[in-house]
PDB file of N, CA and C in Angstrom:
ATOM      1  N   ASP A   1     135.511  78.319  56.634  1.00  0.00           N
ATOM      2  CA  ASP A   1     134.517  78.892  57.693  1.00  0.00           C
ATOM      3  C   ASP A   1     133.893  79.833  56.685  1.00  0.00           C
ATOM      4  N   VAL A   2     132.643  79.189  56.045  1.00  0.00           N
ATOM      5  CA  VAL A   2     131.737  79.988  55.473  1.00  0.00           C
ATOM      6  C   VAL A   2     130.749  81.168  55.850  1.00  0.00           C
ATOM      7  N   ASP A   3     130.441  80.679  57.237  1.00  0.00           N
ATOM      8  CA  ASP A   3     129.745  81.585  57.937  1.00  0.00           C
ATOM      9  C   ASP A   3     130.388  82.542  59.162  1.00  0.00           C
ATOM     10  N   ASN A   4     131.524  82.422  59.053  1.00  0.00           N
ATOM     11  CA  ASN A   4     132.564  83.405  59.970  1.00  0.00           C
ATOM     12  C   ASN A   4     132.391  83.288  61.420  1.00  0.00           C
ATOM     13  N   SER A   5     132.111  81.782  61.813  1.00  0.00           N
ATOM     14  CA  SER A   5     132.061  81.095  63.170  1.00  0.00           C
ATOM     15  C   SER A   5     133.194  80.958  63.854  1.00  0.00           C
ATOM     16  N   GLY A   6     134.249  80.877  63.199  1.00  0.00           N
ATOM     17  CA  GLY A   6     135.602  81.014  63.863  1.00  0.00           C
ATOM     18  C   GLY A   6     136.175  79.174  63.437  1.00  0.00           C
ATOM     19  N   SER A   7     135.515  78.442  62.994  1.00  0.00           N
ATOM     20  CA  SER A   7     135.496  76.873  63.252  1.00  0.00           C
ATOM     21  C   SER A   7     134.911  76.457  61.856  1.00  0.00           C
ATOM     22  N   THR A   8     135.726  75.393  61.151  1.00  0.00           N
ATOM     23  CA  THR A   8     134.801  74.424  59.821  1.00  0.00           C
ATOM     24  C   THR A   8     134.170  73.406  60.469  1.00  0.00           C
ATOM     25  N   ASN A   9     132.812  73.239  60.255  1.00  0.00           N
ATOM     26  CA  ASN A   9     132.185  72.490  60.519  1.00  0.00           C
ATOM     27  C   ASN A   9     131.184  72.146  60.073  1.00  0.00           C
ATOM     28  N   SER A  10     130.130  71.060  60.622  1.00  0.00           N
ATOM     29  CA  SER A  10     129.017  70.940  59.715  1.00  0.00           C
ATOM     30  C   SER A  10     128.112  71.908  59.121  1.00  0.00           C
ATOM     31  N   ILE A  11     128.173  73.082  59.932  1.00  0.00           N
ATOM     32  CA  ILE A  11     127.133  73.971  59.442  1.00  0.00           C
ATOM     33  C   ILE A  11     127.777  74.753  58.066  1.00  0.00           C
ATOM     34  N   ASP A  12     128.885  74.762  58.010  1.00  0.00           N
ATOM     35  CA  ASP A  12     129.539  75.100  56.917  1.00  0.00           C
ATOM     36  C   ASP A  12     129.422  74.255  55.421  1.00  0.00           C
ATOM     37  N   PHE A  13     129.444  73.044  56.361  1.00  0.00           N
ATOM     38  CA  PHE A  13     129.229  71.877  54.989  1.00  0.00           C
ATOM     39  C   PHE A  13     127.437  71.886  54.354  1.00  0.00           C
ATOM     40  N   GLY A  14     127.051  72.296  55.522  1.00  0.00           N
ATOM     41  CA  GLY A  14     125.588  72.557  54.931  1.00  0.00           C
ATOM     42  C   GLY A  14     125.158  73.856  54.111  1.00  0.00           C
ATOM     43  N   TYR A  15     125.858  74.652  54.453  1.00  0.00           N
ATOM     44  CA  TYR A  15     125.723  75.934  53.642  1.00  0.00           C
ATOM     45  C   TYR A  15     126.448  75.769  52.333  1.00  0.00           C
ATOM     46  N   ILE A  16     127.280  75.253  52.085  1.00  0.00           N
ATOM     47  CA  ILE A  16     127.928  74.794  50.517  1.00  0.00           C
ATOM     48  C   ILE A  16     126.796  73.908  50.002  1.00  0.00           C
ATOM     49  N   LYS A  17     126.285  73.186  50.452  1.00  0.00           N
ATOM     50  CA  LYS A  17     125.148  71.913  50.105  1.00  0.00           C
ATOM     51  C   LYS A  17     123.898  72.870  49.708  1.00  0.00           C
ATOM     52  N   GLN A  18     123.717  73.683  50.475  1.00  0.00           N
ATOM     53  CA  GLN A  18     122.344  74.876  50.176  1.00  0.00           C
ATOM     54  C   GLN A  18     122.883  75.400  48.988  1.00  0.00           C
ATOM     55  N   TYR A  19     124.246  75.865  48.705  1.00  0.00           N
ATOM     56  CA  TYR A  19     124.548  76.795  47.515  1.00  0.00           C
ATOM     57  C   TYR A  19     124.508  76.033  46.588  1.00  0.00           C
ATOM     58  N   LEU A  20     125.187  74.634  46.483  1.00  0.00           N
ATOM     59  CA  LEU A  20     125.148  74.030  45.228  1.00  0.00           C
ATOM     60  C   LEU A  20     123.961  73.608  44.365  1.00  0.00           C
ATOM     61  N   LEU A  21     123.029  73.600  45.574  1.00  0.00           N
ATOM     62  CA  LEU A  21     121.307  73.246  45.159  1.00  0.00           C
ATOM     63  C   LEU A  21     120.482  74.516  44.594  1.00  0.00           C
ATOM     64  N   GLY A  22     121.543  75.835  45.129  1.00  0.00           N
ATOM     65  CA  GLY A  22     120.541  77.056  44.780  1.00  0.00           C
ATOM     66  C   GLY A  22     119.632  77.270  45.444  1.00  0.00           C
ATOM     67  N   ILE A  23     119.547  76.853  46.859  1.00  0.00           N
ATOM     68  CA  ILE A  23     118.846  77.484  47.610  1.00  0.00           C
ATOM     69  C   ILE A  23     119.240  78.869  48.321  1.00  0.00           C
ATOM     70  N   ILE A  24     120.265  78.777  48.228  1.00  0.00           N
ATOM     71  CA  ILE A  24     121.068  80.325  48.926  1.00  0.00           C
ATOM     72  C   ILE A  24     121.903  80.609  47.531  1.00  0.00           C
ATOM     73  N   LYS A  25     122.301  82.147  47.531  1.00  0.00           N
ATOM     74  CA  LYS A  25     122.975  82.516  46.352  1.00  0.00           C
ATOM     75  C   LYS A  25     124.251  83.274  47.300  1.00  0.00           C
ATOM     76  N   VAL A  26     124.117  83.827  48.311  1.00  0.00           N
ATOM     77  CA  VAL A  26     125.534  84.296  49.261  1.00  0.00           C
ATOM     78  C   VAL A  26     125.565  83.487  50.461  1.00  0.00           C
ATOM     79  N   PHE A  27     126.879  83.299  50.955  1.00  0.00           N
ATOM     80  CA  PHE A  27     127.209  83.056  52.197  1.00  0.00           C
ATOM     81  C   PHE A  27     127.061  84.075  53.396  1.00  0.00           C
ATOM     82  N   PRO A  28     126.623  83.283  54.879  1.00  0.00           N
ATOM     83  CA  PRO A  28     126.519  84.483  55.680  1.00  0.00           C
ATOM     84  C   PRO A  28     127.750  85.409  56.037  1.00  0.00           C
ATOM     85  N   SER A  29     128.989  84.926  56.017  1.00  0.00           N
ATOM     86  CA  SER A  29     130.295  85.758  55.685  1.00  0.00           C
ATOM     87  C   SER A  29     130.548  86.358  54.454  1.00  0.00           C
ATOM     88  N   SER A  30     130.994  87.687  54.384  1.00  0.00           N
ATOM     89  CA  SER A  30     131.626  88.320  53.474  1.00  0.00           C
ATOM     90  C   SER A  30     132.521  87.818  52.491  1.00  0.00           C
ATOM     91  N   ASN A  31     133.260  86.736  53.508  1.00  0.00           N
ATOM     92  CA  ASN A  31     134.061  86.114  52.758  1.00  0.00           C
ATOM     93  C   ASN A  31     134.169  84.523  52.486  1.00  0.00           C
ATOM     94  N   GLY A  32     132.780  84.566  52.598  1.00  0.00           N
ATOM     95  CA  GLY A  32     132.277  82.986  52.171  1.00  0.00           C
ATOM     96  C   GLY A  32     132.623  82.300  50.908  1.00  0.00           C
ATOM     97  N   MET A  33     132.388  83.349  50.099  1.00  0.00           N
ATOM     98  CA  MET A  33     132.869  82.510  48.680  1.00  0.00           C
ATOM     99  C   MET A  33     134.145  82.090  48.609  1.00  0.00           C
ATOM    100  N   LYS A  34     134.940  82.923  49.157  1.00  0.00           N
ATOM    101  CA  LYS A  34     136.142  82.800  48.831  1.00  0.00           C
ATOM    102  C   LYS A  34     136.458  81.328  49.950  1.00  0.00           C
ATOM    103  N   ALA A  35     136.049  81.349  50.945  1.00  0.00           N
ATOM    104  CA  ALA A  35     136.312  80.173  51.853  1.00  0.00           C
ATOM    105  C   ALA A  35     135.683  79.025  51.359  1.00  0.00           C
ATOM    106  N   ALA A  36     134.465  79.125  50.723  1.00  0.00           N
ATOM    107  CA  ALA A  36     133.696  77.732  50.046  1.00  0.00           C
ATOM    108  C   ALA A  36     134.595  77.210  49.000  1.00  0.00           C
ATOM    109  N   ASP A  37     135.533  77.702  48.278  1.00  0.00           N
ATOM    110  CA  ASP A  37     136.501  77.177  47.463  1.00  0.00           C
ATOM    111  C   ASP A  37     137.448  76.666  47.824  1.00  0.00           C
ATOM    112  N   VAL A  38     137.448  75.517  48.548  1.00  0.00           N
ATOM    113  CA  VAL A  38     138.461  74.808  49.343  1.00  0.00           C
ATOM    114  C   VAL A  38     139.712  74.446  48.428  1.00  0.00           C
ATOM    115  N   ASP A  39     139.338  73.912  47.241  1.00  0.00           N
ATOM    116  CA  ASP A  39     140.159  73.445  45.980  1.00  0.00           C
ATOM    117  C   ASP A  39     141.062  74.442  45.436  1.00  0.00           C
ATOM    118  N   GLY A  40     140.694  75.859  45.574  1.00  0.00           N
ATOM    119  CA  GLY A  40     141.187  77.020  45.131  1.00  0.00           C
ATOM    120  C   GLY A  40     140.886  77.050  43.436  1.00  0.00           C
ATOM    121  N   SER A  41     140.172  76.574  43.195  1.00  0.00           N
ATOM    122  CA  SER A  41     140.023  76.205  41.501  1.00  0.00           C
ATOM    123  C   SER A  41     139.496  77.434  40.842  1.00  0.00           C
ATOM    124  N   GLY A  42     138.833  78.331  41.751  1.00  0.00           N
ATOM    125  CA  GLY A  42     138.053  79.864  41.019  1.00  0.00           C
ATOM    126  C   GLY A  42     136.559  79.681  41.432  1.00  0.00           C
ATOM    127  N   SER A  43     136.065  78.336  41.494  1.00  0.00           N
ATOM    128  CA  SER A  43     134.443  78.104  41.665  1.00  0.00           C
ATOM    129  C   SER A  43     134.393  77.449  42.745  1.00  0.00           C
ATOM    130  N   ILE A  44     133.146  77.362  43.377  1.00  0.00           N
ATOM    131  CA  ILE A  44     132.462  76.157  44.004  1.00  0.00           C
ATOM    132  C   ILE A  44     131.479  75.239  43.512  1.00  0.00           C
ATOM    133  N   ASN A  45     132.394  74.066  43.688  1.00  0.00           N
ATOM    134  CA  ASN A  45     131.611  72.897  42.855  1.00  0.00           C
ATOM    135  C   ASN A  45     131.576  71.907  43.894  1.00  0.00           C
ATOM    136  N   SER A  46     130.830  70.827  43.093  1.00  0.00           N
ATOM    137  CA  SER A  46     130.702  69.683  44.101  1.00  0.00           C
ATOM    138  C   SER A  46     132.406  68.972  44.742  1.00  0.00           C
ATOM    139  N   ILE A  47     133.233  69.407  43.736  1.00  0.00           N
ATOM    140  CA  ILE A  47     134.586  68.710  44.339  1.00  0.00           C
ATOM    141  C   ILE A  47     134.773  69.711  45.709  1.00  0.00           C
ATOM    142  N   ASP A  48     134.549  70.900  45.959  1.00  0.00           N
ATOM    143  CA  ASP A  48     134.693  71.590  46.917  1.00  0.00           C
ATOM    144  C   ASP A  48     134.188  70.834  48.368  1.00  0.00           C
ATOM    145  N   PHE A  49     132.519  70.584  47.780  1.00  0.00           N
ATOM    146  CA  PHE A  49     131.906  69.623  48.715  1.00  0.00           C
ATOM    147  C   PHE A  49     132.630  68.405  49.011  1.00  0.00           C
ATOM    148  N   GLY A  50     132.874  67.750  48.306  1.00  0.00           N
ATOM    149  CA  GLY A  50     133.289  66.340  48.476  1.00  0.00           C
ATOM    150  C   GLY A  50     134.668  66.740  49.310  1.00  0.00           C
ATOM    151  N   TYR A  51     135.655  67.523  49.117  1.00  0.00           N
ATOM    152  CA  TYR A  51     136.752  68.197  49.951  1.00  0.00           C
ATOM    153  C   TYR A  51     136.081  68.299  51.254  1.00  0.00           C
ATOM    154  N   MET A  52     135.065  68.744  51.528  1.00  0.00           N
ATOM    155  CA  MET A  52     134.696  69.306  52.848  1.00  0.00           C
ATOM    156  C   MET A  52     134.275  68.188  53.585  1.00  0.00           C
ATOM    157  N   LYS A  53     133.678  67.412  53.077  1.00  0.00           N
ATOM    158  CA  LYS A  53     133.291  66.035  53.515  1.00  0.00           C
ATOM    159  C   LYS A  53     134.255  65.263  54.161  1.00  0.00           C
ATOM    160  N   GLN A  54     135.299  65.363  53.431  1.00  0.00           N
ATOM    161  CA  GLN A  54     136.355  64.326  53.525  1.00  0.00           C
ATOM    162  C   GLN A  54     137.219  65.066  54.821  1.00  0.00           C
ATOM    163  N   TYR A  55     137.361  66.548  54.847  1.00  0.00           N
ATOM    164  CA  TYR A  55     137.806  67.057  56.116  1.00  0.00           C
ATOM    165  C   TYR A  55     137.145  66.706  57.334  1.00  0.00           C
ATOM    166  N   LEU A  56     135.657  66.870  57.242  1.00  0.00           N
ATOM    167  CA  LEU A  56     134.774  66.557  58.439  1.00  0.00           C
ATOM    168  C   LEU A  56     135.102  65.278  59.095  1.00  0.00           C
ATOM    169  N   LEU A  57     135.281  64.479  58.279  1.00  0.00           N
ATOM    170  CA  LEU A  57     135.237  62.845  58.392  1.00  0.00           C
ATOM    171  C   LEU A  57     136.652  62.535  59.200  1.00  0.00           C
ATOM    172  N   GLY A  58     137.595  63.401  58.833  1.00  0.00           N
ATOM    173  CA  GLY A  58     139.165  63.385  59.143  1.00  0.00           C
ATOM    174  C   GLY A  58     140.125  62.666  58.144  1.00  0.00           C
ATOM    175  N   ILE A  59     139.270  62.239  56.921  1.00  0.00           N
ATOM    176  CA  ILE A  59     140.357  61.828  55.798  1.00  0.00           C
ATOM    177  C   ILE A  59     141.334  62.664  55.652  1.00  0.00           C
ATOM    178  N   ILE A  60     141.212  64.300  55.228  1.00  0.00           N
ATOM    179  CA  ILE A  60     142.602  65.330  54.990  1.00  0.00           C
ATOM    180  C   ILE A  60     142.674  66.016  56.225  1.00  0.00           C
ATOM    181  N   LYS A  61     143.518  66.459  56.111  1.00  0.00           N
ATOM    182  CA  LYS A  61     143.771  67.656  57.410  1.00  0.00           C
ATOM    183  C   LYS A  61     143.766  69.002  57.233  1.00  0.00           C
ATOM    184  N   GLU A  62     144.031  68.933  55.815  1.00  0.00           N
ATOM    185  CA  GLU A  62     143.902  70.464  55.372  1.00  0.00           C
ATOM    186  C   GLU A  62     143.368  70.581  53.833  1.00  0.00           C
ATOM    187  N   PHE A  63     143.066  71.568  53.616  1.00  0.00           N
ATOM    188  CA  PHE A  63     142.457  71.535  51.818  1.00  0.00           C
ATOM    189  C   PHE A  63     143.205  71.851  50.933  1.00  0.00           C
ATOM    190  N   PRO A  64     142.875  71.421  49.810  1.00  0.00           N
ATOM    191  CA  PRO A  64     144.051  71.944  48.664  1.00  0.00           C
ATOM    192  C   PRO A  64     144.528  73.289  48.514  1.00  0.00           C
ATOM    193  N   ALA A  65     143.275  74.089  48.936  1.00  0.00           N
ATOM    194  CA  ALA A  65     143.945  75.768  48.372  1.00  0.00           C
ATOM    195  C   ALA A  65     144.958  76.247  49.658  1.00  0.00           C
ATOM    196  N   GLN A  66     144.787  75.514  50.737  1.00  0.00           N
ATOM    197  CA  GLN A  66     145.637  75.732  51.593  1.00  0.00           C
ATOM    198  C   GLN A  66     147.281  75.756  51.623  1.00  0.00           C
ATOM    199  N   LYS A  67     147.473  74.532  50.636  1.00  0.00           N
ATOM    200  CA  LYS A  67     148.453  73.979  50.350  1.00  0.00           C
ATOM    201  C   LYS A  67     149.381  74.898  49.251  1.00  0.00           C
ATOM    202  N   LYS A  68     148.474  75.596  48.601  1.00  0.00           N
ATOM    203  CA  LYS A  68     148.763  76.817  47.481  1.00  0.00           C
ATOM    204  C   LYS A  68     149.821  77.920  48.196  1.00  0.00           C
TER     205      LYS A  68
END
């Protein structure tokens, strides 16, 4: 939940896309950087974006970082 709204949704997906495109440098939430790293790799990249898309489509039920 990169915007601290209380839910993970398409708005978070949009923020991650904006971050990857360089449109934004920080997320609305102070915890946004950690929340956007859904695979727990220590960086936010296209893999996190892919996992977020899979989550929103219902392909996965939790993020890899939650399993660690």
